[in-house]
Each structure stands twice: as C-alpha cells, then as structure tokens.
Amino acid sequence: MSRFNLETLPRCGAKTRSGNPCQRYGNKTNGRCKLHGGRSTGAKTKEGKLAVRVNALLNPFMWHFNKRFNLEIKQAYIANALSAYLRLIELTKLQARGLDEITEIVSQYRFELETTKYYIAEFDGSEALLIIQSALDHYYKDTAAEHLKFHIYSAVYPTPYFNSSGSIAELKNEMRIFAKAERKKGFGYVGRIPVDPIHKALKRQLKKSKAAHQI
C-alpha cells in the first residue's frame, strides 16, 4: 500500500500566538490542524449552533434587545412546532401505545416545541400547553436528558406568568460577554449596531448592480 502524500493537504493557516499563520498540515474536512480545531466536528444540534453564534459576540446590548423584545422566531420553527403539536394531539388517543413515537417526535422538534409552546397555548388554550409539556417531560424522563439551555441564546415566546426581562442565567452570560469585550476592546466598548435586514438586502443589490455595470 502506498503512503499517503501529505503535500496534498492544505496548510492550517490559523493565526498563532506569534501572529503568523500556522504551517501544520490541515485535514481534509475543514483545513485545520489538530491544534486549531481539526478534530472538531462543529456544532450539530440547533442549540449548539445558537451557542456558537454567541461565541463571537461582543455587544450584549443589542443581542439582549433583539432576543427579548424583537422576538425574531423563525416561521419555519413555528411551522414545525405546529406540525409536531397536531401529531401529539393524535397520539393522546393512543395512550401508552404511542410513547415511542412521542419520544421520536420530541427528539426531532423539542427546540421548536420549547420555543413556541406558550405561543400555541395562547391560541389553542391551556390544554395545548398540557399536551406539549407532557410530551416534553416524557422525553426528558425517558432519555435522562438535561433541560435545554437554548433560552440563553435564542428568542423564546414569553410565559404568561412570572416573566421578567431576563433570567439569572441570561445575566451571567451577558456579564461574560461584557468581560470578553473589555479584554479584547477595552473598557466601555459597546460594539457595532446590527444592520437592518432591509439595508443588507439593498447593499447586496447595489453591489451586484455595480459589479454588472463594471462588466
């Protein structure tokens, strides 16, 4: 068997402590060496991907405002939650015979159900919350799963009672972001204000128009 030719691999290129790019060979998957994330598969779950997005955050003010008050929950999440909820209604008639399917449904859509359960209950009554929460609790107990931590990173439809502008967990996370911003940018850094989606679309359109005009 012929030996693998390392020269076919890309150089890692990650910034080292000296400020120079890493010259180790990277892997085929993401081009990084084992010291700079080459062994990492990256986030796989919805919760993990949300956490990764926050890792690079330096401005918790706008992050907190957008998450708590703008309530930007994707329509796809709401649609998935409604589809899962309607299926759970059907399974309530099967009693114990549908428990395995309940576990399967929640394992696939627990993020969506947790995000929108109060939204659904507001329009379909308290019975809806009882069905969804029963399915969620069954899943957590059946799989010995920890409760979701996505509420720290993502917008969640607020509870009708005992709801405040945040939580202790959210406050701790914001303080951690403040400390990171102070280490990197100095005291008092507030970061850039996010660009409005309409402005982003206009900027892309103008860029395309200019590129086409130059051609």
C-alpha atoms as a PDB file:
ATOM      1  CA  MET A   1       0.000   0.000   0.000  1.00  0.00           C
ATOM      2  CA  SER A   2       1.401   3.390  -0.959  1.00  0.00           C
ATOM      3  CA  ARG A   3       1.880   6.013   1.712  1.00  0.00           C
ATOM      4  CA  PHE A   4      -0.431   8.998   1.894  1.00  0.00           C
ATOM      5  CA  ASN A   5       1.069  12.127   0.384  1.00  0.00           C
ATOM      6  CA  LEU A   6       0.885  14.900   2.991  1.00  0.00           C
ATOM      7  CA  GLU A   7       1.636  17.513   0.341  1.00  0.00           C
ATOM      8  CA  THR A   8      -1.924  17.104  -0.942  1.00  0.00           C
ATOM      9  CA  LEU A   9      -3.247  18.535   2.338  1.00  0.00           C
ATOM     10  CA  PRO A  10      -3.683  22.296   2.795  1.00  0.00           C
ATOM     11  CA  ARG A  11      -1.722  24.256   5.350  1.00  0.00           C
ATOM     12  CA  CYS A  12      -3.671  25.073   8.501  1.00  0.00           C
ATOM     13  CA  GLY A  13      -3.239  28.843   8.288  1.00  0.00           C
ATOM     14  CA  ALA A  14      -4.734  29.598  11.716  1.00  0.00           C
ATOM     15  CA  LYS A  15      -3.317  32.661  13.462  1.00  0.00           C
ATOM     16  CA  THR A  16      -0.767  31.598  16.085  1.00  0.00           C
ATOM     17  CA  ARG A  17       0.415  33.416  19.209  1.00  0.00           C
ATOM     18  CA  SER A  18       3.279  34.902  17.237  1.00  0.00           C
ATOM     19  CA  GLY A  19       0.773  36.370  14.786  1.00  0.00           C
ATOM     20  CA  ASN A  20       1.936  34.209  11.898  1.00  0.00           C
ATOM     21  CA  PRO A  21      -0.238  31.606  10.133  1.00  0.00           C
ATOM     22  CA  CYS A  22       0.134  28.012  11.329  1.00  0.00           C
ATOM     23  CA  GLN A  23       2.218  25.911   8.916  1.00  0.00           C
ATOM     24  CA  ARG A  24       0.997  22.492  10.087  1.00  0.00           C
ATOM     25  CA  TYR A  25      -0.894  20.323   7.639  1.00  0.00           C
ATOM     26  CA  GLY A  26      -4.680  20.644   7.979  1.00  0.00           C
ATOM     27  CA  ASN A  27      -7.204  17.878   7.468  1.00  0.00           C
ATOM     28  CA  LYS A  28      -9.496  17.326   4.501  1.00  0.00           C
ATOM     29  CA  THR A  29     -12.669  18.295   6.352  1.00  0.00           C
ATOM     30  CA  ASN A  30     -12.051  21.869   7.440  1.00  0.00           C
ATOM     31  CA  GLY A  31      -8.404  22.509   6.559  1.00  0.00           C
ATOM     32  CA  ARG A  32      -7.299  22.963  10.191  1.00  0.00           C
ATOM     33  CA  CYS A  33      -4.654  21.007  12.082  1.00  0.00           C
ATOM     34  CA  LYS A  34      -5.391  19.099  15.299  1.00  0.00           C
ATOM     35  CA  LEU A  35      -4.237  22.058  17.412  1.00  0.00           C
ATOM     36  CA  HIS A  36      -6.607  24.539  15.775  1.00  0.00           C
ATOM     37  CA  GLY A  37      -9.924  22.716  15.539  1.00  0.00           C
ATOM     38  CA  GLY A  38      -9.145  19.999  13.000  1.00  0.00           C
ATOM     39  CA  ARG A  39     -10.597  17.311  15.244  1.00  0.00           C
ATOM     40  CA  SER A  40     -13.784  19.250  15.940  1.00  0.00           C
ATOM     41  CA  THR A  41     -16.922  18.319  14.040  1.00  0.00           C
ATOM     42  CA  GLY A  42     -18.539  21.644  14.874  1.00  0.00           C
ATOM     43  CA  ALA A  43     -21.985  22.137  16.345  1.00  0.00           C
ATOM     44  CA  LYS A  44     -24.562  19.591  15.192  1.00  0.00           C
ATOM     45  CA  THR A  45     -27.721  20.475  17.143  1.00  0.00           C
ATOM     46  CA  LYS A  46     -29.847  23.621  16.895  1.00  0.00           C
ATOM     47  CA  GLU A  47     -28.896  24.541  20.467  1.00  0.00           C
ATOM     48  CA  GLY A  48     -25.196  24.060  19.727  1.00  0.00           C
ATOM     49  CA  LYS A  49     -25.337  26.224  16.625  1.00  0.00           C
ATOM     50  CA  LEU A  50     -27.017  29.002  18.604  1.00  0.00           C
ATOM     51  CA  ALA A  51     -24.274  28.826  21.228  1.00  0.00           C
ATOM     52  CA  VAL A  52     -21.563  29.025  18.553  1.00  0.00           C
ATOM     53  CA  ARG A  53     -23.136  32.180  17.118  1.00  0.00           C
ATOM     54  CA  VAL A  54     -22.873  33.861  20.524  1.00  0.00           C
ATOM     55  CA  ASN A  55     -19.200  32.912  20.994  1.00  0.00           C
ATOM     56  CA  ALA A  56     -18.031  35.748  18.759  1.00  0.00           C
ATOM     57  CA  LEU A  57     -20.461  38.286  20.238  1.00  0.00           C
ATOM     58  CA  LEU A  58     -19.050  41.461  21.797  1.00  0.00           C
ATOM     59  CA  ASN A  59     -22.178  43.575  22.130  1.00  0.00           C
ATOM     60  CA  PRO A  60     -24.744  42.090  24.546  1.00  0.00           C
ATOM     61  CA  PHE A  61     -26.947  45.207  24.498  1.00  0.00           C
ATOM     62  CA  MET A  62     -28.376  44.693  21.010  1.00  0.00           C
ATOM     63  CA  TRP A  63     -28.230  40.900  21.391  1.00  0.00           C
ATOM     64  CA  HIS A  64     -30.407  41.085  24.520  1.00  0.00           C
ATOM     65  CA  PHE A  65     -32.787  43.625  22.959  1.00  0.00           C
ATOM     66  CA  ASN A  66     -33.289  41.653  19.735  1.00  0.00           C
ATOM     67  CA  LYS A  67     -33.757  38.372  21.556  1.00  0.00           C
ATOM     68  CA  ARG A  68     -36.152  39.600  24.241  1.00  0.00           C
ATOM     69  CA  PHE A  69     -38.199  42.306  22.543  1.00  0.00           C
ATOM     70  CA  ASN A  70     -37.973  41.879  18.774  1.00  0.00           C
ATOM     71  CA  LEU A  71     -38.786  38.179  19.259  1.00  0.00           C
ATOM     72  CA  GLU A  72     -37.381  37.001  15.939  1.00  0.00           C
ATOM     73  CA  ILE A  73     -38.554  33.383  15.962  1.00  0.00           C
ATOM     74  CA  LYS A  74     -38.292  31.828  12.529  1.00  0.00           C
ATOM     75  CA  GLN A  75     -41.543  30.915  10.797  1.00  0.00           C
ATOM     76  CA  ALA A  76     -40.061  27.509   9.999  1.00  0.00           C
ATOM     77  CA  TYR A  77     -39.717  26.809  13.739  1.00  0.00           C
ATOM     78  CA  ILE A  78     -43.343  27.758  14.328  1.00  0.00           C
ATOM     79  CA  ALA A  79     -44.489  25.582  11.420  1.00  0.00           C
ATOM     80  CA  ASN A  80     -42.503  22.596  12.713  1.00  0.00           C
ATOM     81  CA  ALA A  81     -43.862  23.093  16.220  1.00  0.00           C
ATOM     82  CA  LEU A  82     -47.456  23.221  14.961  1.00  0.00           C
ATOM     83  CA  SER A  83     -46.939  20.080  12.896  1.00  0.00           C
ATOM     84  CA  ALA A  84     -45.469  18.254  15.902  1.00  0.00           C
ATOM     85  CA  TYR A  85     -48.272  19.532  18.159  1.00  0.00           C
ATOM     86  CA  LEU A  86     -51.003  18.265  15.825  1.00  0.00           C
ATOM     87  CA  ARG A  87     -49.333  14.856  15.766  1.00  0.00           C
ATOM     88  CA  LEU A  88     -49.152  14.846  19.577  1.00  0.00           C
ATOM     89  CA  ILE A  89     -52.900  15.509  19.709  1.00  0.00           C
ATOM     90  CA  GLU A  90     -53.470  12.376  17.643  1.00  0.00           C
ATOM     91  CA  LEU A  91     -51.174  10.357  19.902  1.00  0.00           C
ATOM     92  CA  THR A  92     -53.051  11.356  23.061  1.00  0.00           C
ATOM     93  CA  LYS A  93     -55.785   8.942  21.982  1.00  0.00           C
ATOM     94  CA  LEU A  94     -53.354   6.007  21.840  1.00  0.00           C
ATOM     95  CA  GLN A  95     -52.249   6.199  25.493  1.00  0.00           C
ATOM     96  CA  ALA A  96     -49.144   4.059  26.188  1.00  0.00           C
ATOM     97  CA  ARG A  97     -49.004   2.646  22.671  1.00  0.00           C
ATOM     98  CA  GLY A  98     -47.708   5.949  21.289  1.00  0.00           C
ATOM     99  CA  LEU A  99     -44.921   6.627  23.802  1.00  0.00           C
ATOM    100  CA  ASP A 100     -42.094   5.594  21.480  1.00  0.00           C
ATOM    101  CA  GLU A 101     -43.399   7.866  18.748  1.00  0.00           C
ATOM    102  CA  ILE A 102     -43.753  10.719  21.242  1.00  0.00           C
ATOM    103  CA  THR A 103     -40.085  10.343  22.133  1.00  0.00           C
ATOM    104  CA  GLU A 104     -39.181  10.381  18.456  1.00  0.00           C
ATOM    105  CA  ILE A 105     -41.247  13.498  17.736  1.00  0.00           C
ATOM    106  CA  VAL A 106     -39.853  15.448  20.684  1.00  0.00           C
ATOM    107  CA  SER A 107     -36.268  14.397  19.941  1.00  0.00           C
ATOM    108  CA  GLN A 108     -36.690  15.942  16.493  1.00  0.00           C
ATOM    109  CA  TYR A 109     -38.675  19.048  17.427  1.00  0.00           C
ATOM    110  CA  ARG A 110     -38.005  19.742  21.104  1.00  0.00           C
ATOM    111  CA  PHE A 111     -36.305  23.052  20.281  1.00  0.00           C
ATOM    112  CA  GLU A 112     -39.330  24.238  18.306  1.00  0.00           C
ATOM    113  CA  LEU A 113     -41.816  22.978  20.903  1.00  0.00           C
ATOM    114  CA  GLU A 114     -39.965  24.595  23.802  1.00  0.00           C
ATOM    115  CA  THR A 115     -39.653  27.857  21.875  1.00  0.00           C
ATOM    116  CA  THR A 116     -43.307  28.182  20.900  1.00  0.00           C
ATOM    117  CA  LYS A 117     -45.325  26.205  23.474  1.00  0.00           C
ATOM    118  CA  TYR A 118     -46.765  29.347  25.122  1.00  0.00           C
ATOM    119  CA  TYR A 119     -47.444  30.854  21.720  1.00  0.00           C
ATOM    120  CA  ILE A 120     -49.503  27.781  20.763  1.00  0.00           C
ATOM    121  CA  ALA A 121     -51.268  27.715  24.144  1.00  0.00           C
ATOM    122  CA  GLU A 122     -52.287  31.349  23.756  1.00  0.00           C
ATOM    123  CA  PHE A 123     -54.279  30.493  20.643  1.00  0.00           C
ATOM    124  CA  ASP A 124     -55.369  26.927  21.380  1.00  0.00           C
ATOM    125  CA  GLY A 125     -55.971  27.030  25.115  1.00  0.00           C
ATOM    126  CA  SER A 126     -54.299  25.612  28.211  1.00  0.00           C
ATOM    127  CA  GLU A 127     -54.932  22.046  27.020  1.00  0.00           C
ATOM    128  CA  ALA A 128     -52.354  22.645  24.286  1.00  0.00           C
ATOM    129  CA  LEU A 129     -49.678  23.515  26.845  1.00  0.00           C
ATOM    130  CA  LEU A 130     -50.626  20.448  28.887  1.00  0.00           C
ATOM    131  CA  ILE A 131     -50.162  18.165  25.862  1.00  0.00           C
ATOM    132  CA  ILE A 132     -46.873  19.716  24.743  1.00  0.00           C
ATOM    133  CA  GLN A 133     -45.371  19.890  28.234  1.00  0.00           C
ATOM    134  CA  SER A 134     -46.408  16.294  28.972  1.00  0.00           C
ATOM    135  CA  ALA A 135     -44.639  15.145  25.815  1.00  0.00           C
ATOM    136  CA  LEU A 136     -41.535  17.166  26.668  1.00  0.00           C
ATOM    137  CA  ASP A 137     -41.419  15.843  30.236  1.00  0.00           C
ATOM    138  CA  HIS A 138     -41.857  12.276  28.979  1.00  0.00           C
ATOM    139  CA  TYR A 139     -38.922  12.761  26.631  1.00  0.00           C
ATOM    140  CA  TYR A 140     -36.661  14.233  29.307  1.00  0.00           C
ATOM    141  CA  LYS A 141     -37.515  11.452  31.748  1.00  0.00           C
ATOM    142  CA  ASP A 142     -37.324   8.673  29.148  1.00  0.00           C
ATOM    143  CA  THR A 143     -33.926   9.738  27.806  1.00  0.00           C
ATOM    144  CA  ALA A 144     -32.463  11.196  31.030  1.00  0.00           C
ATOM    145  CA  ALA A 145     -31.810  14.367  29.009  1.00  0.00           C
ATOM    146  CA  GLU A 146     -30.861  17.671  30.580  1.00  0.00           C
ATOM    147  CA  HIS A 147     -33.244  20.549  30.058  1.00  0.00           C
ATOM    148  CA  LEU A 148     -32.472  22.819  27.121  1.00  0.00           C
ATOM    149  CA  LYS A 149     -30.169  25.790  27.594  1.00  0.00           C
ATOM    150  CA  PHE A 150     -31.173  27.482  24.342  1.00  0.00           C
ATOM    151  CA  HIS A 151     -33.226  30.119  26.191  1.00  0.00           C
ATOM    152  CA  ILE A 152     -29.931  31.875  26.978  1.00  0.00           C
ATOM    153  CA  TYR A 153     -29.076  32.248  23.295  1.00  0.00           C
ATOM    154  CA  SER A 154     -32.393  32.392  21.465  1.00  0.00           C
ATOM    155  CA  ALA A 155     -35.708  34.219  21.470  1.00  0.00           C
ATOM    156  CA  VAL A 156     -38.399  32.301  23.354  1.00  0.00           C
ATOM    157  CA  TYR A 157     -42.076  33.152  23.412  1.00  0.00           C
ATOM    158  CA  PRO A 158     -42.575  34.575  26.943  1.00  0.00           C
ATOM    159  CA  THR A 159     -44.522  32.838  29.673  1.00  0.00           C
ATOM    160  CA  PRO A 160     -47.871  34.413  30.640  1.00  0.00           C
ATOM    161  CA  TYR A 161     -46.897  34.473  34.338  1.00  0.00           C
ATOM    162  CA  PHE A 162     -43.655  35.022  36.269  1.00  0.00           C
ATOM    163  CA  ASN A 163     -41.987  36.534  33.228  1.00  0.00           C
ATOM    164  CA  SER A 164     -39.318  39.222  33.583  1.00  0.00           C
ATOM    165  CA  SER A 165     -36.943  40.958  31.185  1.00  0.00           C
ATOM    166  CA  GLY A 166     -34.388  38.198  31.640  1.00  0.00           C
ATOM    167  CA  SER A 167     -33.085  35.498  33.935  1.00  0.00           C
ATOM    168  CA  ILE A 168     -30.104  34.885  36.200  1.00  0.00           C
ATOM    169  CA  ALA A 169     -28.596  32.599  33.550  1.00  0.00           C
ATOM    170  CA  GLU A 170     -29.009  35.262  30.857  1.00  0.00           C
ATOM    171  CA  LEU A 171     -27.495  37.929  33.123  1.00  0.00           C
ATOM    172  CA  LYS A 172     -24.447  35.739  33.825  1.00  0.00           C
ATOM    173  CA  ASN A 173     -23.993  35.135  30.113  1.00  0.00           C
ATOM    174  CA  GLU A 174     -24.216  38.860  29.358  1.00  0.00           C
ATOM    175  CA  MET A 175     -21.639  39.626  32.066  1.00  0.00           C
ATOM    176  CA  ARG A 176     -19.348  37.040  30.486  1.00  0.00           C
ATOM    177  CA  ILE A 177     -19.720  38.805  27.115  1.00  0.00           C
ATOM    178  CA  PHE A 178     -19.006  42.177  28.751  1.00  0.00           C
ATOM    179  CA  ALA A 179     -15.807  40.782  30.298  1.00  0.00           C
ATOM    180  CA  LYS A 180     -14.718  39.320  26.942  1.00  0.00           C
ATOM    181  CA  ALA A 181     -15.363  42.636  25.167  1.00  0.00           C
ATOM    182  CA  GLU A 182     -13.375  44.520  27.809  1.00  0.00           C
ATOM    183  CA  ARG A 183     -10.406  42.154  27.446  1.00  0.00           C
ATOM    184  CA  LYS A 184     -10.390  42.453  23.654  1.00  0.00           C
ATOM    185  CA  LYS A 185     -11.524  46.030  23.025  1.00  0.00           C
ATOM    186  CA  GLY A 186     -11.001  47.900  26.285  1.00  0.00           C
ATOM    187  CA  PHE A 187     -13.368  49.379  28.861  1.00  0.00           C
ATOM    188  CA  GLY A 188     -16.636  50.875  27.602  1.00  0.00           C
ATOM    189  CA  TYR A 189     -16.708  49.104  24.227  1.00  0.00           C
ATOM    190  CA  VAL A 190     -20.297  48.605  23.017  1.00  0.00           C
ATOM    191  CA  GLY A 191     -19.698  47.181  19.533  1.00  0.00           C
ATOM    192  CA  ARG A 192     -21.461  47.862  16.268  1.00  0.00           C
ATOM    193  CA  ILE A 193     -25.222  48.102  15.968  1.00  0.00           C
ATOM    194  CA  PRO A 194     -26.547  45.333  13.692  1.00  0.00           C
ATOM    195  CA  VAL A 195     -27.542  46.434  10.213  1.00  0.00           C
ATOM    196  CA  ASP A 196     -31.233  46.210   9.384  1.00  0.00           C
ATOM    197  CA  PRO A 197     -32.061  43.232   7.059  1.00  0.00           C
ATOM    198  CA  ILE A 198     -33.614  45.616   4.514  1.00  0.00           C
ATOM    199  CA  HIS A 199     -30.394  47.632   4.432  1.00  0.00           C
ATOM    200  CA  LYS A 200     -28.397  44.432   3.993  1.00  0.00           C
ATOM    201  CA  ALA A 201     -30.552  43.415   1.023  1.00  0.00           C
ATOM    202  CA  LEU A 202     -30.190  46.886  -0.504  1.00  0.00           C
ATOM    203  CA  LYS A 203     -26.417  46.754  -0.020  1.00  0.00           C
ATOM    204  CA  ARG A 204     -26.232  43.370  -1.777  1.00  0.00           C
ATOM    205  CA  GLN A 205     -28.400  44.647  -4.624  1.00  0.00           C
ATOM    206  CA  LEU A 206     -26.223  47.719  -5.098  1.00  0.00           C
ATOM    207  CA  LYS A 207     -23.082  45.584  -5.044  1.00  0.00           C
ATOM    208  CA  LYS A 208     -24.488  43.320  -7.770  1.00  0.00           C
ATOM    209  CA  SER A 209     -25.568  46.301  -9.839  1.00  0.00           C
ATOM    210  CA  LYS A 210     -22.134  47.898  -9.609  1.00  0.00           C
ATOM    211  CA  ALA A 211     -20.430  44.613 -10.489  1.00  0.00           C
ATOM    212  CA  ALA A 212     -22.694  44.157 -13.528  1.00  0.00           C
ATOM    213  CA  HIS A 213     -22.089  47.743 -14.619  1.00  0.00           C
ATOM    214  CA  GLN A 214     -18.320  47.286 -14.435  1.00  0.00           C
ATOM    215  CA  ILE A 215     -18.549  44.167 -16.638  1.00  0.00           C
END
